[in-house]
Amino acid sequence: MQRRSLKEYLLLFFKGVAMGAADVVPGVSGGTIAFITGIYEELLNSIRSVNGEAVKLLLRFNVAGFWKHINGNFLIVLLAGIGVAIASLSRLILYLLQNHTEMLWSFFFGLIVASAVVVAKKITRWRPGVVLAGLIGIALAYYITVATPAQTPEAYWFVFLSGAIAICAMILPGISGSFILVLLAKYEFIMLAVKNLRLDIIAVFGVGCMVGILSFSHLLNWMLKHYHNITVALLTGFMVGSLNKVWPWKQTLETYTDRHGEIKPLVQENVLPTDYLQLTGEEPFLLYGILLAIFGFALVYVIDRVTSDETPTV
C-alpha cells in the first residue's frame, strides 16, 4: 500500500471528484480521468486485490491486513471523491443537459480530444497490430454511439445488470458508463434515484457495479501487463470513436415519450454549427462552444503536466 501525505490524499480526493463528475455525463468516462491523472494502474490493482485472499483476512478478523491488502486508504479516499461528485453534481448536470446542451458538450468534446492525445502518448511503439487495435476501438465506440436506446424494464434484476455493464465501461478510458446507461434506457432512471434518494434502487445498482468491476478489472489489468501498447491503442480508439456522441450540435430525427409523458430524443444526427440554427431553431452558441472546448483541452493538458511529475504512469 503506497504511503501518501495529507496533501497527496487531498489531491487524490479531487481526482475522485473529477472521475465522478465525468461519469455523471453520458459520453465522458471516469476511466479517462483516472488514466490522465496517473492513478489508473493503481486503481485496477486495488480493485483486483479484493479477492479470495482479502476475504480470508477478513474472516480471520485481520482488519489491518485486509485494509493493507486492498489498498484501503487509496480506495476509500477516491470513492469518497467520486461519491461526493455524483451526489452533488447530478442535479447540476441534469440541468445543464436540458438547458445548456451545446456548451456542456463543447467542453467535454475538448476534454476527450485532449484525453485521447494524452493516452496515445503512453504507446511506446506503433506497430501494425497496435494501429489495427486503435481502428477497432474507433469503430466499436462509434457503433455504440449510433446505437438506438431501447425501452427496458425497471425490475431489480435489470437495474443490477445495468450496474454491472455500466461500471465496466466507466473504468475504460473513452467509453462512458453513463452512455451505456442511456443505451439501456436507465440513465435518467438512475439519476432520479440518486436525486430522490431511492435507496433500494441505489443499493441494487451499487451491488451490480461491485460485481461487474471485480470481474472486469482482472481482465483489463492482465491486458495492460501483457499487451500494453495494443490495449492502450484500443482505449485511445474508444476515445476517438466516442467523439461522435459528444459533438455539441445535433438534430433530432426521432423522439419517444418516456414514462413521465415527456418527449425525449431517440435518434439524432450531427450537424454543422452553421446549419444548427436553421435546422433546429436554436442558438448554436458557437463562440462559447469553441472557448469551452479549448478550456476542456487545456484543462486536461494542465492536469497531465501536473500529475505526470507526481504519480507513476501506466
C-alpha atoms as a PDB file:
ATOM      1  CA  MET A   1       0.000   0.000   0.000  1.00  0.00           C
ATOM      2  CA  GLN A   2       1.539   3.287  -1.123  1.00  0.00           C
ATOM      3  CA  ARG A   3       2.140   5.816   1.693  1.00  0.00           C
ATOM      4  CA  ARG A   4       0.794   9.285   0.992  1.00  0.00           C
ATOM      5  CA  SER A   5       0.899  12.636   2.736  1.00  0.00           C
ATOM      6  CA  LEU A   6      -2.233  14.598   3.656  1.00  0.00           C
ATOM      7  CA  LYS A   7      -1.677  16.816   0.610  1.00  0.00           C
ATOM      8  CA  GLU A   8      -1.472  13.770  -1.669  1.00  0.00           C
ATOM      9  CA  TYR A   9      -4.671  12.317  -0.198  1.00  0.00           C
ATOM     10  CA  LEU A  10      -6.409  15.656  -0.782  1.00  0.00           C
ATOM     11  CA  LEU A  11      -5.247  15.597  -4.395  1.00  0.00           C
ATOM     12  CA  LEU A  12      -6.459  12.004  -4.709  1.00  0.00           C
ATOM     13  CA  PHE A  13      -9.869  13.058  -3.363  1.00  0.00           C
ATOM     14  CA  PHE A  14     -10.183  15.747  -6.033  1.00  0.00           C
ATOM     15  CA  LYS A  15      -9.157  13.228  -8.696  1.00  0.00           C
ATOM     16  CA  GLY A  16     -12.096  11.163  -7.446  1.00  0.00           C
ATOM     17  CA  VAL A  17     -14.336  14.216  -7.706  1.00  0.00           C
ATOM     18  CA  ALA A  18     -13.205  14.679 -11.303  1.00  0.00           C
ATOM     19  CA  MET A  19     -13.867  10.996 -12.052  1.00  0.00           C
ATOM     20  CA  GLY A  20     -17.333  11.200 -10.523  1.00  0.00           C
ATOM     21  CA  ALA A  21     -18.148  14.375 -12.426  1.00  0.00           C
ATOM     22  CA  ALA A  22     -17.094  12.727 -15.683  1.00  0.00           C
ATOM     23  CA  ASP A  23     -19.087   9.564 -15.005  1.00  0.00           C
ATOM     24  CA  VAL A  24     -22.283  11.557 -14.465  1.00  0.00           C
ATOM     25  CA  VAL A  25     -22.194  12.805 -18.066  1.00  0.00           C
ATOM     26  CA  PRO A  26     -23.181  10.455 -20.919  1.00  0.00           C
ATOM     27  CA  GLY A  27     -20.245  10.361 -23.319  1.00  0.00           C
ATOM     28  CA  VAL A  28     -17.433  11.008 -20.835  1.00  0.00           C
ATOM     29  CA  SER A  29     -15.525   8.307 -18.956  1.00  0.00           C
ATOM     30  CA  GLY A  30     -14.215   8.480 -15.402  1.00  0.00           C
ATOM     31  CA  GLY A  31     -11.592   5.988 -16.545  1.00  0.00           C
ATOM     32  CA  THR A  32     -10.213   8.697 -18.806  1.00  0.00           C
ATOM     33  CA  ILE A  33      -9.670  10.963 -15.798  1.00  0.00           C
ATOM     34  CA  ALA A  34      -8.002   8.135 -13.877  1.00  0.00           C
ATOM     35  CA  PHE A  35      -5.705   7.461 -16.831  1.00  0.00           C
ATOM     36  CA  ILE A  36      -4.550  11.022 -17.417  1.00  0.00           C
ATOM     37  CA  THR A  37      -4.073  11.713 -13.680  1.00  0.00           C
ATOM     38  CA  GLY A  38      -1.751   8.736 -13.307  1.00  0.00           C
ATOM     39  CA  ILE A  39      -3.811   6.573 -10.933  1.00  0.00           C
ATOM     40  CA  TYR A  40      -5.264   4.122 -13.463  1.00  0.00           C
ATOM     41  CA  GLU A  41      -2.917   1.200 -12.809  1.00  0.00           C
ATOM     42  CA  GLU A  42      -3.122   1.609  -9.033  1.00  0.00           C
ATOM     43  CA  LEU A  43      -6.919   1.730  -9.298  1.00  0.00           C
ATOM     44  CA  LEU A  44      -7.036  -1.533 -11.258  1.00  0.00           C
ATOM     45  CA  ASN A  45      -4.585  -3.240  -8.907  1.00  0.00           C
ATOM     46  CA  SER A  46      -6.536  -2.089  -5.850  1.00  0.00           C
ATOM     47  CA  ILE A  47      -9.843  -3.319  -7.259  1.00  0.00           C
ATOM     48  CA  ARG A  48      -8.233  -6.606  -8.303  1.00  0.00           C
ATOM     49  CA  SER A  49      -6.914  -7.131  -4.772  1.00  0.00           C
ATOM     50  CA  VAL A  50     -10.469  -7.533  -3.460  1.00  0.00           C
ATOM     51  CA  ASN A  51     -10.195 -11.305  -3.920  1.00  0.00           C
ATOM     52  CA  GLY A  52     -10.204 -14.603  -2.040  1.00  0.00           C
ATOM     53  CA  GLU A  53      -7.132 -13.653  -0.011  1.00  0.00           C
ATOM     54  CA  ALA A  54      -8.869 -10.464   1.133  1.00  0.00           C
ATOM     55  CA  VAL A  55     -11.917 -12.482   2.212  1.00  0.00           C
ATOM     56  CA  LYS A  56      -9.694 -14.881   4.183  1.00  0.00           C
ATOM     57  CA  LEU A  57      -8.042 -11.972   6.020  1.00  0.00           C
ATOM     58  CA  LEU A  58     -11.458 -10.543   6.849  1.00  0.00           C
ATOM     59  CA  LEU A  59     -12.780 -13.889   8.097  1.00  0.00           C
ATOM     60  CA  ARG A  60      -9.739 -14.147  10.387  1.00  0.00           C
ATOM     61  CA  PHE A  61     -10.669 -10.674  11.708  1.00  0.00           C
ATOM     62  CA  ASN A  62      -7.319  -9.341  10.478  1.00  0.00           C
ATOM     63  CA  VAL A  63      -8.786  -5.965   9.626  1.00  0.00           C
ATOM     64  CA  ALA A  64      -5.409  -4.221   9.360  1.00  0.00           C
ATOM     65  CA  GLY A  65      -4.083  -6.885   6.996  1.00  0.00           C
ATOM     66  CA  PHE A  66      -7.274  -6.754   4.931  1.00  0.00           C
ATOM     67  CA  TRP A  67      -7.122  -2.956   4.654  1.00  0.00           C
ATOM     68  CA  LYS A  68      -3.476  -3.036   3.590  1.00  0.00           C
ATOM     69  CA  HIS A  69      -4.114  -5.857   1.107  1.00  0.00           C
ATOM     70  CA  ILE A  70      -6.863  -3.950  -0.745  1.00  0.00           C
ATOM     71  CA  ASN A  71      -5.032  -0.577  -0.559  1.00  0.00           C
ATOM     72  CA  GLY A  72      -7.960   0.657   1.517  1.00  0.00           C
ATOM     73  CA  ASN A  73      -6.803   4.241   2.081  1.00  0.00           C
ATOM     74  CA  PHE A  74      -6.492   4.784  -1.663  1.00  0.00           C
ATOM     75  CA  LEU A  75      -9.888   3.255  -2.434  1.00  0.00           C
ATOM     76  CA  ILE A  76     -11.832   4.976   0.342  1.00  0.00           C
ATOM     77  CA  VAL A  77     -10.492   8.450  -0.480  1.00  0.00           C
ATOM     78  CA  LEU A  78     -11.025   8.006  -4.217  1.00  0.00           C
ATOM     79  CA  LEU A  79     -14.520   6.558  -3.761  1.00  0.00           C
ATOM     80  CA  ALA A  80     -15.389   9.404  -1.380  1.00  0.00           C
ATOM     81  CA  GLY A  81     -14.481  11.911  -4.086  1.00  0.00           C
ATOM     82  CA  ILE A  82     -16.489  10.016  -6.705  1.00  0.00           C
ATOM     83  CA  GLY A  83     -19.490   9.762  -4.371  1.00  0.00           C
ATOM     84  CA  VAL A  84     -19.414  13.453  -3.459  1.00  0.00           C
ATOM     85  CA  ALA A  85     -19.285  14.418  -7.131  1.00  0.00           C
ATOM     86  CA  ILE A  86     -22.178  12.159  -8.159  1.00  0.00           C
ATOM     87  CA  ALA A  87     -24.361  13.229  -5.228  1.00  0.00           C
ATOM     88  CA  SER A  88     -23.664  16.940  -5.630  1.00  0.00           C
ATOM     89  CA  LEU A  89     -23.480  17.234  -9.411  1.00  0.00           C
ATOM     90  CA  SER A  90     -26.387  15.015 -10.539  1.00  0.00           C
ATOM     91  CA  ARG A  91     -28.862  17.922 -10.304  1.00  0.00           C
ATOM     92  CA  LEU A  92     -26.468  20.361 -11.993  1.00  0.00           C
ATOM     93  CA  ILE A  93     -25.620  18.007 -14.849  1.00  0.00           C
ATOM     94  CA  LEU A  94     -29.305  17.211 -15.472  1.00  0.00           C
ATOM     95  CA  TYR A  95     -29.990  20.957 -15.562  1.00  0.00           C
ATOM     96  CA  LEU A  96     -27.122  21.663 -17.968  1.00  0.00           C
ATOM     97  CA  LEU A  97     -28.114  18.780 -20.251  1.00  0.00           C
ATOM     98  CA  GLN A  98     -31.612  20.227 -20.501  1.00  0.00           C
ATOM     99  CA  ASN A  99     -30.803  23.934 -20.746  1.00  0.00           C
ATOM    100  CA  HIS A 100     -27.223  24.409 -21.995  1.00  0.00           C
ATOM    101  CA  THR A 101     -26.598  21.292 -24.066  1.00  0.00           C
ATOM    102  CA  GLU A 102     -24.351  22.804 -26.735  1.00  0.00           C
ATOM    103  CA  MET A 103     -21.950  24.441 -24.299  1.00  0.00           C
ATOM    104  CA  LEU A 104     -21.746  21.414 -21.995  1.00  0.00           C
ATOM    105  CA  TRP A 105     -20.930  19.036 -24.874  1.00  0.00           C
ATOM    106  CA  SER A 106     -18.424  21.532 -26.294  1.00  0.00           C
ATOM    107  CA  PHE A 107     -16.481  21.454 -23.029  1.00  0.00           C
ATOM    108  CA  PHE A 108     -16.427  17.665 -22.961  1.00  0.00           C
ATOM    109  CA  PHE A 109     -15.542  17.457 -26.656  1.00  0.00           C
ATOM    110  CA  GLY A 110     -12.339  19.383 -25.940  1.00  0.00           C
ATOM    111  CA  LEU A 111     -11.767  17.272 -22.838  1.00  0.00           C
ATOM    112  CA  ILE A 112     -11.955  13.984 -24.758  1.00  0.00           C
ATOM    113  CA  VAL A 113      -9.806  15.181 -27.670  1.00  0.00           C
ATOM    114  CA  ALA A 114      -7.051  16.130 -25.240  1.00  0.00           C
ATOM    115  CA  SER A 115      -7.510  12.882 -23.309  1.00  0.00           C
ATOM    116  CA  ALA A 116      -7.055  10.838 -26.493  1.00  0.00           C
ATOM    117  CA  VAL A 117      -3.805  12.697 -27.219  1.00  0.00           C
ATOM    118  CA  VAL A 118      -2.534  12.169 -23.658  1.00  0.00           C
ATOM    119  CA  VAL A 119      -3.402   8.463 -23.599  1.00  0.00           C
ATOM    120  CA  ALA A 120      -1.913   7.877 -27.080  1.00  0.00           C
ATOM    121  CA  LYS A 121       1.423   9.210 -25.773  1.00  0.00           C
ATOM    122  CA  LYS A 122       1.582   6.151 -23.485  1.00  0.00           C
ATOM    123  CA  ILE A 123       2.108   3.927 -26.542  1.00  0.00           C
ATOM    124  CA  THR A 124       5.822   3.176 -26.732  1.00  0.00           C
ATOM    125  CA  ARG A 125       5.882   1.638 -30.212  1.00  0.00           C
ATOM    126  CA  TRP A 126       3.420   1.816 -33.089  1.00  0.00           C
ATOM    127  CA  ARG A 127       3.171  -1.484 -34.952  1.00  0.00           C
ATOM    128  CA  PRO A 128       0.547  -2.692 -37.465  1.00  0.00           C
ATOM    129  CA  GLY A 129      -1.227  -4.641 -34.699  1.00  0.00           C
ATOM    130  CA  VAL A 130      -1.285  -1.543 -32.482  1.00  0.00           C
ATOM    131  CA  VAL A 131      -2.726   0.595 -35.290  1.00  0.00           C
ATOM    132  CA  LEU A 132      -5.335  -2.086 -36.004  1.00  0.00           C
ATOM    133  CA  ALA A 133      -6.338  -2.144 -32.324  1.00  0.00           C
ATOM    134  CA  GLY A 134      -6.809   1.632 -32.443  1.00  0.00           C
ATOM    135  CA  LEU A 135      -9.005   1.384 -35.539  1.00  0.00           C
ATOM    136  CA  ILE A 136     -11.071  -1.377 -33.926  1.00  0.00           C
ATOM    137  CA  GLY A 137     -11.540   0.828 -30.862  1.00  0.00           C
ATOM    138  CA  ILE A 138     -12.719   3.723 -33.032  1.00  0.00           C
ATOM    139  CA  ALA A 139     -15.173   1.514 -34.936  1.00  0.00           C
ATOM    140  CA  LEU A 140     -16.558  -0.133 -31.802  1.00  0.00           C
ATOM    141  CA  ALA A 141     -17.046   3.134 -29.910  1.00  0.00           C
ATOM    142  CA  TYR A 142     -18.620   4.792 -32.944  1.00  0.00           C
ATOM    143  CA  TYR A 143     -21.060   1.894 -33.324  1.00  0.00           C
ATOM    144  CA  ILE A 144     -22.038   2.212 -29.656  1.00  0.00           C
ATOM    145  CA  THR A 145     -22.689   5.946 -30.082  1.00  0.00           C
ATOM    146  CA  VAL A 146     -25.049   5.437 -33.038  1.00  0.00           C
ATOM    147  CA  ALA A 147     -26.949   2.557 -31.430  1.00  0.00           C
ATOM    148  CA  THR A 148     -30.549   3.418 -30.645  1.00  0.00           C
ATOM    149  CA  PRO A 149     -31.570   3.325 -26.969  1.00  0.00           C
ATOM    150  CA  ALA A 150     -34.176   0.684 -26.201  1.00  0.00           C
ATOM    151  CA  GLN A 151     -37.050   0.611 -23.735  1.00  0.00           C
ATOM    152  CA  THR A 152     -36.081  -1.682 -20.849  1.00  0.00           C
ATOM    153  CA  PRO A 153     -37.656  -2.945 -17.606  1.00  0.00           C
ATOM    154  CA  GLU A 154     -37.215  -1.256 -14.243  1.00  0.00           C
ATOM    155  CA  ALA A 155     -37.090  -4.520 -12.280  1.00  0.00           C
ATOM    156  CA  TYR A 156     -34.298  -5.033  -9.749  1.00  0.00           C
ATOM    157  CA  TRP A 157     -32.615  -7.709 -11.865  1.00  0.00           C
ATOM    158  CA  PHE A 158     -32.224  -5.316 -14.796  1.00  0.00           C
ATOM    159  CA  VAL A 159     -31.026  -2.492 -12.529  1.00  0.00           C
ATOM    160  CA  PHE A 160     -28.383  -4.931 -11.222  1.00  0.00           C
ATOM    161  CA  LEU A 161     -27.397  -5.934 -14.776  1.00  0.00           C
ATOM    162  CA  SER A 162     -27.222  -2.283 -15.854  1.00  0.00           C
ATOM    163  CA  GLY A 163     -24.839  -1.514 -12.993  1.00  0.00           C
ATOM    164  CA  ALA A 164     -22.596  -4.477 -13.839  1.00  0.00           C
ATOM    165  CA  ILE A 165     -22.356  -3.466 -17.513  1.00  0.00           C
ATOM    166  CA  ALA A 166     -22.042   0.278 -16.952  1.00  0.00           C
ATOM    167  CA  ILE A 167     -19.255   0.030 -14.368  1.00  0.00           C
ATOM    168  CA  CYS A 168     -17.108  -1.931 -16.836  1.00  0.00           C
ATOM    169  CA  ALA A 169     -17.418   0.978 -19.261  1.00  0.00           C
ATOM    170  CA  MET A 170     -16.807   3.540 -16.529  1.00  0.00           C
ATOM    171  CA  ILE A 171     -13.282   2.240 -15.858  1.00  0.00           C
ATOM    172  CA  LEU A 172     -12.456   2.133 -19.577  1.00  0.00           C
ATOM    173  CA  PRO A 173     -10.953   5.380 -20.871  1.00  0.00           C
ATOM    174  CA  GLY A 174     -13.143   6.576 -23.731  1.00  0.00           C
ATOM    175  CA  ILE A 175     -16.282   4.501 -23.138  1.00  0.00           C
ATOM    176  CA  SER A 176     -18.804   6.207 -20.923  1.00  0.00           C
ATOM    177  CA  GLY A 177     -20.696   4.099 -18.411  1.00  0.00           C
ATOM    178  CA  SER A 178     -23.337   6.818 -18.342  1.00  0.00           C
ATOM    179  CA  PHE A 179     -23.819   6.477 -22.087  1.00  0.00           C
ATOM    180  CA  ILE A 180     -24.181   2.712 -21.708  1.00  0.00           C
ATOM    181  CA  LEU A 181     -26.961   3.525 -19.248  1.00  0.00           C
ATOM    182  CA  VAL A 182     -28.511   5.767 -21.901  1.00  0.00           C
ATOM    183  CA  LEU A 183     -28.477   2.863 -24.365  1.00  0.00           C
ATOM    184  CA  LEU A 184     -30.058   0.667 -21.692  1.00  0.00           C
ATOM    185  CA  ALA A 185     -32.654   3.420 -21.059  1.00  0.00           C
ATOM    186  CA  LYS A 186     -31.567   3.623 -17.423  1.00  0.00           C
ATOM    187  CA  TYR A 187     -29.562   6.866 -17.259  1.00  0.00           C
ATOM    188  CA  GLU A 188     -32.372   9.206 -16.225  1.00  0.00           C
ATOM    189  CA  PHE A 189     -33.867   6.460 -14.044  1.00  0.00           C
ATOM    190  CA  ILE A 190     -30.625   6.103 -12.042  1.00  0.00           C
ATOM    191  CA  MET A 191     -30.016   9.870 -11.885  1.00  0.00           C
ATOM    192  CA  LEU A 192     -33.521  10.411 -10.493  1.00  0.00           C
ATOM    193  CA  ALA A 193     -32.950   7.601  -7.985  1.00  0.00           C
ATOM    194  CA  VAL A 194     -29.826   9.416  -6.753  1.00  0.00           C
ATOM    195  CA  LYS A 195     -31.638  12.748  -6.733  1.00  0.00           C
ATOM    196  CA  ASN A 196     -34.648  11.371  -4.815  1.00  0.00           C
ATOM    197  CA  LEU A 197     -32.556   9.062  -2.553  1.00  0.00           C
ATOM    198  CA  ARG A 198     -34.309   5.864  -3.628  1.00  0.00           C
ATOM    199  CA  LEU A 199     -32.054   3.678  -1.506  1.00  0.00           C
ATOM    200  CA  ASP A 200     -33.370   0.355  -2.857  1.00  0.00           C
ATOM    201  CA  ILE A 201     -32.514   1.245  -6.459  1.00  0.00           C
ATOM    202  CA  ILE A 202     -29.163   2.758  -5.435  1.00  0.00           C
ATOM    203  CA  ALA A 203     -28.262  -0.369  -3.424  1.00  0.00           C
ATOM    204  CA  VAL A 204     -29.167  -2.838  -6.198  1.00  0.00           C
ATOM    205  CA  PHE A 205     -27.321  -0.749  -8.784  1.00  0.00           C
ATOM    206  CA  GLY A 206     -24.316  -0.489  -6.451  1.00  0.00           C
ATOM    207  CA  VAL A 207     -24.139  -4.260  -5.949  1.00  0.00           C
ATOM    208  CA  GLY A 208     -24.267  -4.729  -9.719  1.00  0.00           C
ATOM    209  CA  CYS A 209     -21.400  -2.252 -10.098  1.00  0.00           C
ATOM    210  CA  MET A 210     -19.364  -4.106  -7.477  1.00  0.00           C
ATOM    211  CA  VAL A 211     -19.815  -7.496  -9.161  1.00  0.00           C
ATOM    212  CA  GLY A 212     -19.042  -6.068 -12.606  1.00  0.00           C
ATOM    213  CA  ILE A 213     -15.922  -4.154 -11.625  1.00  0.00           C
ATOM    214  CA  LEU A 214     -14.403  -7.011  -9.606  1.00  0.00           C
ATOM    215  CA  SER A 215     -14.815  -9.330 -12.584  1.00  0.00           C
ATOM    216  CA  PHE A 216     -13.665  -6.955 -15.322  1.00  0.00           C
ATOM    217  CA  SER A 217     -10.680  -5.411 -13.525  1.00  0.00           C
ATOM    218  CA  HIS A 218      -8.785  -8.722 -13.628  1.00  0.00           C
ATOM    219  CA  LEU A 219      -9.101  -8.946 -17.411  1.00  0.00           C
ATOM    220  CA  LEU A 220      -8.150  -5.327 -18.019  1.00  0.00           C
ATOM    221  CA  ASN A 221      -5.165  -5.488 -15.668  1.00  0.00           C
ATOM    222  CA  TRP A 222      -3.912  -8.641 -17.437  1.00  0.00           C
ATOM    223  CA  MET A 223      -4.255  -6.965 -20.850  1.00  0.00           C
ATOM    224  CA  LEU A 224      -2.305  -3.897 -19.746  1.00  0.00           C
ATOM    225  CA  LYS A 225       0.517  -6.047 -18.364  1.00  0.00           C
ATOM    226  CA  HIS A 226       0.837  -8.436 -21.317  1.00  0.00           C
ATOM    227  CA  TYR A 227      -0.366  -6.330 -24.296  1.00  0.00           C
ATOM    228  CA  HIS A 228       0.249  -2.783 -23.102  1.00  0.00           C
ATOM    229  CA  ASN A 229       0.548  -0.957 -26.443  1.00  0.00           C
ATOM    230  CA  ILE A 230      -2.340  -2.822 -28.062  1.00  0.00           C
ATOM    231  CA  THR A 231      -4.578  -2.204 -25.044  1.00  0.00           C
ATOM    232  CA  VAL A 232      -3.704   1.493 -24.847  1.00  0.00           C
ATOM    233  CA  ALA A 233      -4.285   1.861 -28.606  1.00  0.00           C
ATOM    234  CA  LEU A 234      -7.684   0.207 -28.191  1.00  0.00           C
ATOM    235  CA  LEU A 235      -8.537   2.599 -25.358  1.00  0.00           C
ATOM    236  CA  THR A 236      -7.365   5.574 -27.440  1.00  0.00           C
ATOM    237  CA  GLY A 237      -9.585   4.374 -30.269  1.00  0.00           C
ATOM    238  CA  PHE A 238     -12.512   4.216 -27.864  1.00  0.00           C
ATOM    239  CA  MET A 239     -11.994   7.889 -27.052  1.00  0.00           C
ATOM    240  CA  VAL A 240     -11.746   8.976 -30.685  1.00  0.00           C
ATOM    241  CA  GLY A 241     -14.831   6.967 -31.646  1.00  0.00           C
ATOM    242  CA  SER A 242     -16.825   8.375 -28.736  1.00  0.00           C
ATOM    243  CA  LEU A 243     -16.370  11.935 -30.061  1.00  0.00           C
ATOM    244  CA  ASN A 244     -19.354  11.272 -32.319  1.00  0.00           C
ATOM    245  CA  LYS A 245     -21.548  11.167 -29.216  1.00  0.00           C
ATOM    246  CA  VAL A 246     -20.312  14.399 -27.662  1.00  0.00           C
ATOM    247  CA  TRP A 247     -20.451  16.553 -30.818  1.00  0.00           C
ATOM    248  CA  PRO A 248     -22.332  19.599 -29.474  1.00  0.00           C
ATOM    249  CA  TRP A 249     -24.647  20.340 -32.394  1.00  0.00           C
ATOM    250  CA  LYS A 250     -27.255  17.692 -33.173  1.00  0.00           C
ATOM    251  CA  GLN A 251     -30.563  17.489 -34.996  1.00  0.00           C
ATOM    252  CA  THR A 252     -33.225  15.208 -33.519  1.00  0.00           C
ATOM    253  CA  LEU A 253     -34.693  12.857 -36.125  1.00  0.00           C
ATOM    254  CA  GLU A 254     -36.867  10.670 -33.896  1.00  0.00           C
ATOM    255  CA  THR A 255     -38.325  11.091 -30.426  1.00  0.00           C
ATOM    256  CA  TYR A 256     -40.051   8.919 -27.842  1.00  0.00           C
ATOM    257  CA  THR A 257     -42.279   9.565 -24.839  1.00  0.00           C
ATOM    258  CA  ASP A 258     -40.841   8.469 -21.506  1.00  0.00           C
ATOM    259  CA  ARG A 259     -42.796   7.077 -18.557  1.00  0.00           C
ATOM    260  CA  HIS A 260     -43.478  10.621 -17.291  1.00  0.00           C
ATOM    261  CA  GLY A 261     -45.063  11.644 -20.577  1.00  0.00           C
ATOM    262  CA  GLU A 262     -42.118  13.827 -21.608  1.00  0.00           C
ATOM    263  CA  ILE A 263     -40.818  13.784 -25.174  1.00  0.00           C
ATOM    264  CA  LYS A 264     -37.160  12.734 -25.404  1.00  0.00           C
ATOM    265  CA  PRO A 265     -34.758  12.486 -28.393  1.00  0.00           C
ATOM    266  CA  LEU A 266     -34.305   8.920 -29.649  1.00  0.00           C
ATOM    267  CA  VAL A 267     -32.268   9.264 -32.875  1.00  0.00           C
ATOM    268  CA  GLN A 268     -30.015  12.268 -33.544  1.00  0.00           C
ATOM    269  CA  GLU A 269     -27.503  13.234 -36.219  1.00  0.00           C
ATOM    270  CA  ASN A 270     -24.571  15.614 -36.010  1.00  0.00           C
ATOM    271  CA  VAL A 271     -24.844  18.868 -37.948  1.00  0.00           C
ATOM    272  CA  LEU A 272     -22.515  21.780 -38.595  1.00  0.00           C
ATOM    273  CA  PRO A 273     -22.886  24.659 -36.127  1.00  0.00           C
ATOM    274  CA  THR A 274     -23.553  26.987 -39.085  1.00  0.00           C
ATOM    275  CA  ASP A 275     -26.611  24.884 -40.004  1.00  0.00           C
ATOM    276  CA  TYR A 276     -27.775  24.284 -36.441  1.00  0.00           C
ATOM    277  CA  LEU A 277     -29.934  27.410 -36.106  1.00  0.00           C
ATOM    278  CA  GLN A 278     -31.681  26.822 -39.422  1.00  0.00           C
ATOM    279  CA  LEU A 279     -32.346  23.118 -38.757  1.00  0.00           C
ATOM    280  CA  THR A 280     -33.336  23.292 -35.078  1.00  0.00           C
ATOM    281  CA  GLY A 281     -34.345  26.892 -34.479  1.00  0.00           C
ATOM    282  CA  GLU A 282     -31.947  27.044 -31.532  1.00  0.00           C
ATOM    283  CA  GLU A 283     -28.905  29.256 -30.951  1.00  0.00           C
ATOM    284  CA  PRO A 284     -25.631  27.334 -31.545  1.00  0.00           C
ATOM    285  CA  PHE A 285     -23.544  29.484 -29.147  1.00  0.00           C
ATOM    286  CA  LEU A 286     -20.589  28.798 -31.437  1.00  0.00           C
ATOM    287  CA  LEU A 287     -18.134  31.220 -29.824  1.00  0.00           C
ATOM    288  CA  TYR A 288     -18.879  29.943 -26.321  1.00  0.00           C
ATOM    289  CA  GLY A 289     -18.652  26.395 -27.614  1.00  0.00           C
ATOM    290  CA  ILE A 290     -15.200  26.969 -29.115  1.00  0.00           C
ATOM    291  CA  LEU A 291     -13.942  28.670 -25.955  1.00  0.00           C
ATOM    292  CA  LEU A 292     -15.270  25.881 -23.729  1.00  0.00           C
ATOM    293  CA  ALA A 293     -13.735  23.205 -25.980  1.00  0.00           C
ATOM    294  CA  ILE A 294     -10.371  24.988 -25.746  1.00  0.00           C
ATOM    295  CA  PHE A 295     -10.788  25.233 -21.968  1.00  0.00           C
ATOM    296  CA  GLY A 296     -11.552  21.495 -21.741  1.00  0.00           C
ATOM    297  CA  PHE A 297      -8.495  20.681 -23.854  1.00  0.00           C
ATOM    298  CA  ALA A 298      -6.264  22.970 -21.793  1.00  0.00           C
ATOM    299  CA  LEU A 299      -7.610  21.551 -18.524  1.00  0.00           C
ATOM    300  CA  VAL A 300      -6.576  18.011 -19.465  1.00  0.00           C
ATOM    301  CA  TYR A 301      -3.183  19.245 -20.652  1.00  0.00           C
ATOM    302  CA  VAL A 302      -2.555  21.032 -17.338  1.00  0.00           C
ATOM    303  CA  ILE A 303      -3.719  18.019 -15.307  1.00  0.00           C
ATOM    304  CA  ASP A 304      -1.392  15.763 -17.326  1.00  0.00           C
ATOM    305  CA  ARG A 305       1.587  18.075 -16.814  1.00  0.00           C
ATOM    306  CA  VAL A 306       0.961  18.462 -13.081  1.00  0.00           C
ATOM    307  CA  THR A 307       0.270  14.803 -12.306  1.00  0.00           C
ATOM    308  CA  SER A 308       2.989  13.340 -14.541  1.00  0.00           C
ATOM    309  CA  ASP A 309       5.591  14.595 -12.088  1.00  0.00           C
ATOM    310  CA  GLU A 310       3.703  13.361  -9.008  1.00  0.00           C
ATOM    311  CA  THR A 311       2.383   9.902  -9.846  1.00  0.00           C
ATOM    312  CA  PRO A 312       3.634   6.982 -11.941  1.00  0.00           C
ATOM    313  CA  THR A 313       2.040   6.493 -15.321  1.00  0.00           C
ATOM    314  CA  VAL A 314       0.700   3.234 -16.724  1.00  0.00           C
END
